[in-house]
Protein backbone atom coordinates (compact mmCIF):
# COMPACT_ATOMS: atom_id res chain seq x y z
CA UNK A 1 -54.88 147.52 -181.29
CA UNK A 2 -51.99 145.45 -179.94
CA UNK A 3 -48.56 146.04 -181.39
CA UNK A 4 -46.63 142.92 -182.44
CA UNK A 5 -43.66 141.98 -180.30
CA UNK A 6 -40.51 142.37 -182.33
CA UNK A 7 -37.38 140.78 -180.87
CA UNK A 8 -34.27 142.97 -180.84
CA UNK A 9 -31.56 142.17 -183.38
CA UNK A 10 -29.13 139.47 -182.28
CA UNK A 11 -26.16 140.90 -180.44
CA UNK A 12 -23.98 137.79 -180.64
CA UNK A 13 -23.80 137.51 -176.87
CA UNK A 14 -26.34 134.74 -176.40
CA UNK A 15 -25.76 130.99 -176.36
CA UNK A 16 -25.19 130.91 -180.12
CA UNK A 17 -22.51 133.61 -179.88
CA UNK A 18 -20.84 131.80 -176.99
CA UNK A 19 -20.81 128.53 -178.94
CA UNK A 20 -19.25 130.26 -181.94
CA UNK A 21 -16.49 131.92 -179.92
CA UNK A 22 -15.63 128.77 -177.96
CA UNK A 23 -15.50 126.77 -181.21
CA UNK A 24 -13.20 129.38 -182.80
CA UNK A 25 -10.87 129.05 -179.79
CA UNK A 26 -10.69 125.28 -180.30
CA UNK A 27 -12.84 124.41 -177.30
CA UNK A 28 -16.25 122.97 -176.62
CA UNK A 29 -19.26 124.12 -174.65
CA UNK A 30 -22.29 122.40 -173.18
CA UNK A 31 -25.45 124.13 -172.01
CA UNK A 32 -28.33 122.62 -170.06
CA UNK A 33 -31.57 124.32 -169.06
CA UNK A 34 -32.07 124.64 -165.32
CA UNK A 35 -35.39 123.75 -163.68
CA UNK A 36 -35.78 127.25 -162.20
CA UNK A 37 -35.02 128.95 -165.52
CA UNK A 38 -31.82 129.98 -167.20
CA UNK A 39 -28.98 127.76 -168.33
CA UNK A 40 -25.98 126.04 -166.80
CA UNK A 41 -22.87 126.31 -168.98
CA UNK A 42 -19.68 124.27 -169.07
CA UNK A 43 -16.88 125.33 -171.40
CA UNK A 44 -13.55 123.64 -172.07
CA UNK A 45 -10.86 125.77 -173.72
CA UNK A 46 -7.32 124.80 -174.70
CA UNK A 47 -4.57 126.09 -172.45
CA UNK A 48 -2.07 127.62 -174.87
CA UNK A 49 0.45 128.21 -172.06
CA UNK A 50 1.18 124.46 -171.91
CA UNK A 51 1.86 124.43 -175.67
CA UNK A 52 4.64 127.06 -175.57
CA UNK A 53 8.29 126.16 -175.62
CA UNK A 54 10.76 127.73 -173.22
CA UNK A 55 10.14 129.99 -170.20
């Protein structure tokens, strides 16, 4: 008898977790599947250093 395949619990480190963390940081992320498998990611995050006043 074959045992059913049960996926492991979500760890928050996949694409959904990345999207959530980038969004919380005020950025945006794009992901595109690659023809050979996997994903290509592009993330844009705000640079808080340019928002500070003084040295």
